[in-house]
Protein backbone atom coordinates (compact mmCIF):
# COMPACT_ATOMS: atom_id res chain seq x y z
CA UNK A 1 -15.77 -41.69 -3.78
CA UNK A 2 -13.43 -40.38 -1.69
CA UNK A 3 -12.48 -39.73 1.80
CA UNK A 4 -16.06 -41.04 2.57
CA UNK A 5 -16.99 -43.04 5.64
CA UNK A 6 -17.39 -46.62 4.78
CA UNK A 7 -18.52 -49.70 7.65
CA UNK A 8 -16.13 -52.93 7.09
CA UNK A 9 -17.87 -56.30 8.92
CA UNK A 10 -16.29 -59.75 8.71
CA UNK A 11 -19.18 -62.56 8.01
CA UNK A 12 -17.77 -65.85 7.94
CA UNK A 13 -14.97 -66.49 5.73
CA UNK A 14 -15.71 -62.91 3.76
CA UNK A 15 -15.76 -58.80 4.47
CA UNK A 16 -18.39 -56.36 3.57
CA UNK A 17 -18.31 -53.18 2.82
CA UNK A 18 -21.20 -51.13 3.14
CA UNK A 19 -21.39 -47.12 2.23
CA UNK A 20 -23.58 -45.47 4.29
CA UNK A 21 -24.69 -42.97 2.22
CA UNK A 22 -25.54 -45.19 -1.28
CA UNK A 23 -26.54 -48.53 -0.02
CA UNK A 24 -24.03 -50.18 -1.85
CA UNK A 25 -22.84 -53.13 -0.49
CA UNK A 26 -19.45 -55.24 -1.77
CA UNK A 27 -17.42 -58.15 -0.25
CA UNK A 28 -13.87 -59.29 -0.79
CA UNK A 29 -11.71 -61.54 0.79
CA UNK A 30 -9.98 -59.75 2.71
CA UNK A 31 -11.17 -55.83 3.89
CA UNK A 32 -9.29 -53.78 1.53
CA UNK A 33 -10.11 -56.06 -0.86
CA UNK A 34 -14.19 -55.24 0.25
CA UNK A 35 -13.10 -51.16 0.06
CA UNK A 36 -11.51 -51.25 -3.46
CA UNK A 37 -14.56 -52.99 -5.26
CA UNK A 38 -16.96 -51.04 -3.04
CA UNK A 39 -15.51 -47.96 -4.76
CA UNK A 40 -15.98 -49.35 -8.28
CA UNK A 41 -19.72 -50.89 -7.11
CA UNK A 42 -20.69 -47.10 -6.01
CA UNK A 43 -18.82 -45.59 -9.37
CA UNK A 44 -20.66 -48.03 -11.35
CA UNK A 45 -23.94 -46.24 -8.50
CA UNK A 46 -23.61 -43.85 -9.27
CA UNK A 47 -23.10 -42.85 -13.42
CA UNK A 48 -26.43 -44.64 -12.61
CA UNK A 49 -27.98 -43.08 -9.87
CA UNK A 50 -25.96 -39.74 -10.84
CA UNK A 51 -25.74 -37.36 -7.61
CA UNK A 52 -27.95 -33.91 -7.87
CA UNK A 53 -26.63 -32.16 -4.32
């Protein structure tokens, strides 16, 4: 997920990060934590659904 744009927004006490390419979403108490969690979630997603392009 290197150099990939992600969308981050705040919902009450949580930050939500989303990968537009995969649709994977993750949460964190800070924006940085949400992005770090998203990176891990996208890695796991790509293990199950490898990129074909």
